[in-house]
């Protein structure tokens, strides 16, 4: 897994990258009450706003961590946003994308670096 400074995790599965938010991010957000996901087949560029997430504390955007195309979204978290708090690094992934260039992951943090980052 790779991690971004925006508290996203990325898991590579073949040529597809699964994207979600970290447990740390879910804790900081508090109880998630709403998630709006992108449409599949949407082309995104790194740092595009792709997901809107609202909690009892705040609303925030989740940015595309890399360039690519959204190929699948997790409708289960739209129907039950609380899943994001229950299993942020498992079943509550946000979207899957076909990466334009997997080498964009090379500059991201591994788990040890992310744990040091959140300190």
N, C-alpha and C. Protein backbone atom coordinates (compact mmCIF):
# COMPACT_ATOMS: atom_id res chain seq x y z
N UNK A 1 0.84 -1.19 0.00
CA UNK A 1 0.00 0.00 0.00
C UNK A 1 0.88 1.25 0.00
N UNK A 2 0.34 2.28 -0.61
CA UNK A 2 0.98 3.58 -0.63
C UNK A 2 0.04 4.57 0.03
N UNK A 3 0.60 5.67 0.51
CA UNK A 3 -0.18 6.68 1.23
C UNK A 3 0.17 8.07 0.72
N UNK A 4 -0.83 8.97 0.75
CA UNK A 4 -0.59 10.36 0.34
C UNK A 4 -0.62 11.26 1.57
N UNK A 5 -0.13 12.48 1.40
CA UNK A 5 -0.18 13.46 2.48
C UNK A 5 -1.61 13.92 2.75
N UNK A 6 -2.52 13.61 1.81
CA UNK A 6 -3.94 13.94 1.99
C UNK A 6 -4.68 12.81 2.70
N UNK A 7 -3.93 11.84 3.24
CA UNK A 7 -4.49 10.74 4.04
C UNK A 7 -5.34 9.76 3.21
N UNK A 8 -4.90 9.53 1.99
CA UNK A 8 -5.51 8.51 1.17
C UNK A 8 -4.58 7.31 1.13
N UNK A 9 -5.16 6.13 0.97
CA UNK A 9 -4.35 4.93 0.75
C UNK A 9 -4.63 4.42 -0.66
N UNK A 10 -3.62 3.78 -1.23
CA UNK A 10 -3.74 3.23 -2.57
C UNK A 10 -3.21 1.80 -2.55
N UNK A 11 -4.00 0.90 -3.11
CA UNK A 11 -3.61 -0.50 -3.20
C UNK A 11 -3.66 -0.89 -4.68
N UNK A 12 -2.53 -1.38 -5.19
CA UNK A 12 -2.45 -1.77 -6.59
C UNK A 12 -2.93 -3.22 -6.74
N UNK A 13 -3.87 -3.41 -7.66
CA UNK A 13 -4.38 -4.75 -7.98
C UNK A 13 -4.26 -4.91 -9.50
N UNK A 14 -3.13 -5.43 -9.95
CA UNK A 14 -2.87 -5.53 -11.39
C UNK A 14 -2.65 -4.15 -11.96
N UNK A 15 -3.47 -3.76 -12.95
CA UNK A 15 -3.33 -2.42 -13.53
C UNK A 15 -4.38 -1.46 -12.97
N UNK A 16 -5.05 -1.87 -11.88
CA UNK A 16 -6.07 -1.04 -11.24
C UNK A 16 -5.58 -0.62 -9.86
N UNK A 17 -5.89 0.62 -9.49
CA UNK A 17 -5.51 1.14 -8.18
C UNK A 17 -6.79 1.40 -7.39
N UNK A 18 -6.89 0.79 -6.20
CA UNK A 18 -8.03 0.98 -5.30
C UNK A 18 -7.67 2.14 -4.37
N UNK A 19 -8.60 3.09 -4.18
CA UNK A 19 -8.33 4.29 -3.39
C UNK A 19 -9.36 4.43 -2.27
N UNK A 20 -8.86 4.76 -1.09
CA UNK A 20 -9.72 5.04 0.05
C UNK A 20 -9.04 6.03 0.97
N UNK A 21 -9.65 6.27 2.13
CA UNK A 21 -9.01 7.15 3.11
C UNK A 21 -8.52 6.31 4.28
N UNK A 22 -7.52 6.84 4.96
CA UNK A 22 -6.89 6.11 6.05
C UNK A 22 -7.76 6.14 7.31
N UNK A 23 -7.44 5.26 8.21
CA UNK A 23 -8.12 5.23 9.51
C UNK A 23 -7.95 6.58 10.22
N UNK A 24 -6.75 7.15 10.11
CA UNK A 24 -6.46 8.46 10.72
C UNK A 24 -7.43 9.51 10.16
N UNK A 25 -7.62 9.53 8.84
CA UNK A 25 -8.53 10.50 8.22
C UNK A 25 -9.96 10.28 8.70
N UNK A 26 -10.38 9.03 8.75
CA UNK A 26 -11.74 8.73 9.19
C UNK A 26 -11.97 9.19 10.63
N UNK A 27 -10.96 9.01 11.48
CA UNK A 27 -11.07 9.47 12.88
C UNK A 27 -11.16 10.99 12.94
N UNK A 28 -10.36 11.67 12.12
CA UNK A 28 -10.37 13.14 12.12
C UNK A 28 -11.71 13.69 11.62
N UNK A 29 -12.32 13.00 10.68
CA UNK A 29 -13.60 13.45 10.12
C UNK A 29 -14.74 13.30 11.12
N UNK A 30 -14.69 12.27 11.93
CA UNK A 30 -15.83 11.96 12.78
C UNK A 30 -16.83 11.14 11.99
N UNK A 31 -18.07 11.09 12.45
CA UNK A 31 -19.08 10.24 11.82
C UNK A 31 -19.41 10.73 10.42
N UNK A 32 -19.13 9.90 9.43
CA UNK A 32 -19.42 10.24 8.04
C UNK A 32 -20.91 10.04 7.77
N UNK A 33 -21.54 11.07 7.19
CA UNK A 33 -22.99 11.03 6.97
C UNK A 33 -23.36 11.08 5.49
N UNK A 34 -22.42 11.41 4.61
CA UNK A 34 -22.73 11.54 3.19
C UNK A 34 -21.47 11.33 2.37
N UNK A 35 -21.61 10.59 1.27
CA UNK A 35 -20.50 10.40 0.33
C UNK A 35 -21.05 10.55 -1.09
N UNK A 36 -20.40 11.37 -1.89
CA UNK A 36 -20.74 11.50 -3.31
C UNK A 36 -19.54 11.05 -4.13
N UNK A 37 -19.75 10.02 -4.94
CA UNK A 37 -18.67 9.42 -5.71
C UNK A 37 -18.71 9.88 -7.16
N UNK A 38 -17.59 9.78 -7.87
CA UNK A 38 -17.57 10.18 -9.28
C UNK A 38 -18.27 9.14 -10.15
N UNK A 39 -18.54 9.51 -11.37
CA UNK A 39 -19.08 8.56 -12.34
C UNK A 39 -17.96 7.68 -12.86
N UNK A 40 -18.29 6.43 -13.19
CA UNK A 40 -17.29 5.58 -13.82
C UNK A 40 -17.02 6.15 -15.22
N UNK A 41 -15.89 5.79 -15.76
CA UNK A 41 -15.40 6.26 -17.06
C UNK A 41 -14.99 7.72 -17.04
N UNK A 42 -14.91 8.34 -15.85
CA UNK A 42 -14.44 9.71 -15.73
C UNK A 42 -12.92 9.72 -15.78
N UNK A 43 -12.37 10.54 -16.65
CA UNK A 43 -10.91 10.72 -16.71
C UNK A 43 -10.54 11.77 -15.66
N UNK A 44 -9.54 11.47 -14.84
CA UNK A 44 -9.11 12.40 -13.80
C UNK A 44 -7.61 12.64 -13.90
N UNK A 45 -7.22 13.80 -13.42
CA UNK A 45 -5.81 14.17 -13.34
C UNK A 45 -5.49 14.33 -11.86
N UNK A 46 -4.27 13.98 -11.49
CA UNK A 46 -3.84 14.10 -10.09
C UNK A 46 -4.30 15.45 -9.52
N UNK A 47 -4.87 15.41 -8.33
CA UNK A 47 -5.36 16.56 -7.57
C UNK A 47 -6.72 17.08 -8.02
N UNK A 48 -7.37 16.43 -9.01
CA UNK A 48 -8.76 16.76 -9.31
C UNK A 48 -9.62 16.37 -8.11
N UNK A 49 -10.66 17.15 -7.81
CA UNK A 49 -11.61 16.78 -6.77
C UNK A 49 -12.52 15.70 -7.34
N UNK A 50 -12.54 14.53 -6.70
CA UNK A 50 -13.33 13.42 -7.26
C UNK A 50 -14.42 12.90 -6.32
N UNK A 51 -14.27 13.11 -5.03
CA UNK A 51 -15.25 12.62 -4.06
C UNK A 51 -15.58 13.75 -3.09
N UNK A 52 -16.86 13.86 -2.75
CA UNK A 52 -17.28 14.77 -1.68
C UNK A 52 -17.67 13.88 -0.50
N UNK A 53 -17.13 14.22 0.65
CA UNK A 53 -17.44 13.45 1.86
C UNK A 53 -17.84 14.44 2.95
N UNK A 54 -18.95 14.15 3.61
CA UNK A 54 -19.42 15.02 4.68
C UNK A 54 -19.55 14.21 5.96
N UNK A 55 -19.13 14.85 7.05
CA UNK A 55 -19.26 14.23 8.36
C UNK A 55 -20.00 15.20 9.26
N UNK A 56 -20.21 14.77 10.50
CA UNK A 56 -20.86 15.66 11.45
C UNK A 56 -19.98 16.88 11.75
N UNK A 57 -18.68 16.76 11.50
CA UNK A 57 -17.75 17.86 11.78
C UNK A 57 -17.49 18.77 10.59
N UNK A 58 -17.40 18.19 9.37
CA UNK A 58 -16.93 18.98 8.23
C UNK A 58 -17.29 18.32 6.91
N UNK A 59 -17.15 19.09 5.86
CA UNK A 59 -17.25 18.56 4.50
C UNK A 59 -15.87 18.70 3.88
N UNK A 60 -15.47 17.72 3.11
CA UNK A 60 -14.18 17.82 2.45
C UNK A 60 -14.21 17.06 1.14
N UNK A 61 -13.20 17.31 0.35
CA UNK A 61 -13.07 16.66 -0.95
C UNK A 61 -11.94 15.66 -0.89
N UNK A 62 -12.09 14.61 -1.65
CA UNK A 62 -11.00 13.66 -1.83
C UNK A 62 -10.48 13.86 -3.24
N UNK A 63 -9.18 14.01 -3.34
CA UNK A 63 -8.54 14.33 -4.61
C UNK A 63 -8.05 13.07 -5.30
N UNK A 64 -8.00 13.12 -6.61
CA UNK A 64 -7.41 12.02 -7.37
C UNK A 64 -5.92 11.95 -7.01
N UNK A 65 -5.45 10.81 -6.53
CA UNK A 65 -4.05 10.71 -6.14
C UNK A 65 -3.10 10.57 -7.32
N UNK A 66 -3.63 10.13 -8.46
CA UNK A 66 -2.84 9.94 -9.68
C UNK A 66 -3.74 10.22 -10.89
N UNK A 67 -3.13 10.26 -12.07
CA UNK A 67 -3.89 10.40 -13.31
C UNK A 67 -4.49 9.05 -13.68
N UNK A 68 -5.68 9.07 -14.27
CA UNK A 68 -6.26 7.82 -14.73
C UNK A 68 -7.74 7.94 -15.00
N UNK A 69 -8.39 6.78 -15.08
CA UNK A 69 -9.82 6.70 -15.36
C UNK A 69 -10.51 5.94 -14.24
N UNK A 70 -11.62 6.51 -13.74
CA UNK A 70 -12.41 5.83 -12.71
C UNK A 70 -13.11 4.65 -13.38
N UNK A 71 -12.87 3.44 -12.87
CA UNK A 71 -13.45 2.25 -13.49
C UNK A 71 -14.52 1.59 -12.61
N UNK A 72 -14.53 1.92 -11.32
CA UNK A 72 -15.53 1.35 -10.42
C UNK A 72 -15.66 2.25 -9.20
N UNK A 73 -16.87 2.35 -8.65
CA UNK A 73 -17.09 3.09 -7.41
C UNK A 73 -17.78 2.16 -6.41
N UNK A 74 -17.64 2.48 -5.14
CA UNK A 74 -18.18 1.65 -4.07
C UNK A 74 -19.54 2.19 -3.62
N UNK A 75 -20.60 1.72 -4.28
CA UNK A 75 -21.95 2.20 -3.96
C UNK A 75 -22.36 1.89 -2.52
N UNK A 76 -21.73 0.88 -1.92
CA UNK A 76 -22.09 0.51 -0.54
C UNK A 76 -21.87 1.66 0.43
N UNK A 77 -20.85 2.51 0.18
CA UNK A 77 -20.62 3.62 1.11
C UNK A 77 -21.52 4.82 0.83
N UNK A 78 -22.14 4.84 -0.35
CA UNK A 78 -23.15 5.87 -0.63
C UNK A 78 -24.42 5.51 0.14
N UNK A 79 -24.79 4.22 0.09
CA UNK A 79 -25.98 3.75 0.79
C UNK A 79 -25.81 3.76 2.30
N UNK A 80 -24.57 3.53 2.78
CA UNK A 80 -24.30 3.48 4.22
C UNK A 80 -22.95 4.16 4.50
N UNK A 81 -22.94 5.52 4.54
CA UNK A 81 -21.68 6.25 4.73
C UNK A 81 -20.92 5.88 6.00
N UNK A 82 -21.62 5.37 7.01
CA UNK A 82 -20.98 4.97 8.26
C UNK A 82 -19.93 3.88 8.08
N UNK A 83 -20.00 3.14 6.97
CA UNK A 83 -18.99 2.11 6.69
C UNK A 83 -17.60 2.71 6.64
N UNK A 84 -17.51 3.99 6.21
CA UNK A 84 -16.21 4.65 6.13
C UNK A 84 -15.54 4.69 7.50
N UNK A 85 -16.33 4.89 8.55
CA UNK A 85 -15.78 4.91 9.90
C UNK A 85 -15.48 3.50 10.41
N UNK A 86 -16.28 2.54 9.98
CA UNK A 86 -16.14 1.17 10.47
C UNK A 86 -14.93 0.44 9.87
N UNK A 87 -14.67 0.65 8.58
CA UNK A 87 -13.62 -0.13 7.90
C UNK A 87 -12.97 0.70 6.79
N UNK A 88 -12.34 1.83 7.16
CA UNK A 88 -11.83 2.75 6.14
C UNK A 88 -10.75 2.15 5.23
N UNK A 89 -10.00 1.21 5.74
CA UNK A 89 -8.92 0.65 4.93
C UNK A 89 -9.25 -0.74 4.41
N UNK A 90 -10.55 -1.06 4.43
CA UNK A 90 -10.97 -2.36 3.93
C UNK A 90 -12.15 -2.21 2.99
N UNK A 91 -13.34 -2.61 3.47
CA UNK A 91 -14.54 -2.62 2.63
C UNK A 91 -15.03 -1.23 2.23
N UNK A 92 -14.57 -0.19 2.90
CA UNK A 92 -15.06 1.17 2.61
C UNK A 92 -14.14 1.94 1.66
N UNK A 93 -13.57 1.24 0.68
CA UNK A 93 -12.81 1.94 -0.35
C UNK A 93 -13.76 2.86 -1.12
N UNK A 94 -13.20 3.86 -1.81
CA UNK A 94 -14.04 4.84 -2.51
C UNK A 94 -14.19 4.53 -4.00
N UNK A 95 -13.06 4.35 -4.67
CA UNK A 95 -13.14 4.09 -6.10
C UNK A 95 -11.92 3.29 -6.56
N UNK A 96 -12.07 2.72 -7.74
CA UNK A 96 -10.96 2.03 -8.39
C UNK A 96 -10.68 2.76 -9.68
N UNK A 97 -9.40 2.88 -9.99
CA UNK A 97 -9.04 3.60 -11.20
C UNK A 97 -7.97 2.86 -11.98
N UNK A 98 -8.05 2.99 -13.28
CA UNK A 98 -7.02 2.46 -14.15
C UNK A 98 -5.99 3.57 -14.26
N UNK A 99 -4.79 3.30 -13.79
CA UNK A 99 -3.74 4.32 -13.73
C UNK A 99 -3.19 4.61 -15.12
N UNK A 100 -3.00 5.90 -15.40
CA UNK A 100 -2.35 6.29 -16.65
C UNK A 100 -0.86 5.96 -16.57
N UNK A 101 -0.30 6.08 -15.35
CA UNK A 101 1.14 5.88 -15.18
C UNK A 101 1.40 5.45 -13.73
N UNK A 102 1.63 4.16 -13.54
CA UNK A 102 1.83 3.65 -12.18
C UNK A 102 3.08 4.22 -11.51
N UNK A 103 4.01 4.77 -12.27
CA UNK A 103 5.21 5.34 -11.66
C UNK A 103 4.88 6.55 -10.80
N UNK A 104 3.66 7.11 -10.94
CA UNK A 104 3.25 8.21 -10.07
C UNK A 104 3.20 7.76 -8.60
N UNK A 105 3.10 6.46 -8.37
CA UNK A 105 3.06 5.93 -7.00
C UNK A 105 4.43 5.94 -6.35
N UNK A 106 5.48 6.04 -7.15
CA UNK A 106 6.84 5.90 -6.64
C UNK A 106 7.19 6.94 -5.57
N UNK A 107 6.61 8.14 -5.66
CA UNK A 107 6.94 9.21 -4.72
C UNK A 107 6.07 9.20 -3.47
N UNK A 108 5.13 8.27 -3.39
CA UNK A 108 4.22 8.24 -2.24
C UNK A 108 4.85 7.48 -1.07
N UNK A 109 4.27 7.68 0.09
CA UNK A 109 4.79 7.07 1.32
C UNK A 109 4.39 5.60 1.44
N UNK A 110 5.28 4.82 2.04
CA UNK A 110 4.89 3.47 2.44
C UNK A 110 4.29 3.58 3.85
N UNK A 111 3.88 2.45 4.42
CA UNK A 111 3.19 2.50 5.71
C UNK A 111 4.05 3.11 6.82
N UNK A 112 5.32 2.75 6.86
CA UNK A 112 6.21 3.28 7.91
C UNK A 112 6.35 4.80 7.78
N UNK A 113 6.51 5.28 6.57
CA UNK A 113 6.65 6.73 6.35
C UNK A 113 5.35 7.45 6.70
N UNK A 114 4.20 6.84 6.37
CA UNK A 114 2.92 7.47 6.69
C UNK A 114 2.73 7.54 8.21
N UNK A 115 3.07 6.46 8.91
CA UNK A 115 2.93 6.48 10.37
C UNK A 115 3.82 7.57 10.98
N UNK A 116 5.01 7.76 10.44
CA UNK A 116 5.88 8.83 10.90
C UNK A 116 5.27 10.20 10.57
N UNK A 117 4.65 10.31 9.40
CA UNK A 117 4.03 11.56 8.94
C UNK A 117 2.90 11.99 9.89
N UNK A 118 2.06 11.04 10.31
CA UNK A 118 0.95 11.41 11.20
C UNK A 118 1.39 11.47 12.67
N UNK A 119 2.57 10.93 12.94
CA UNK A 119 3.29 11.02 14.17
C UNK A 119 2.53 10.84 15.44
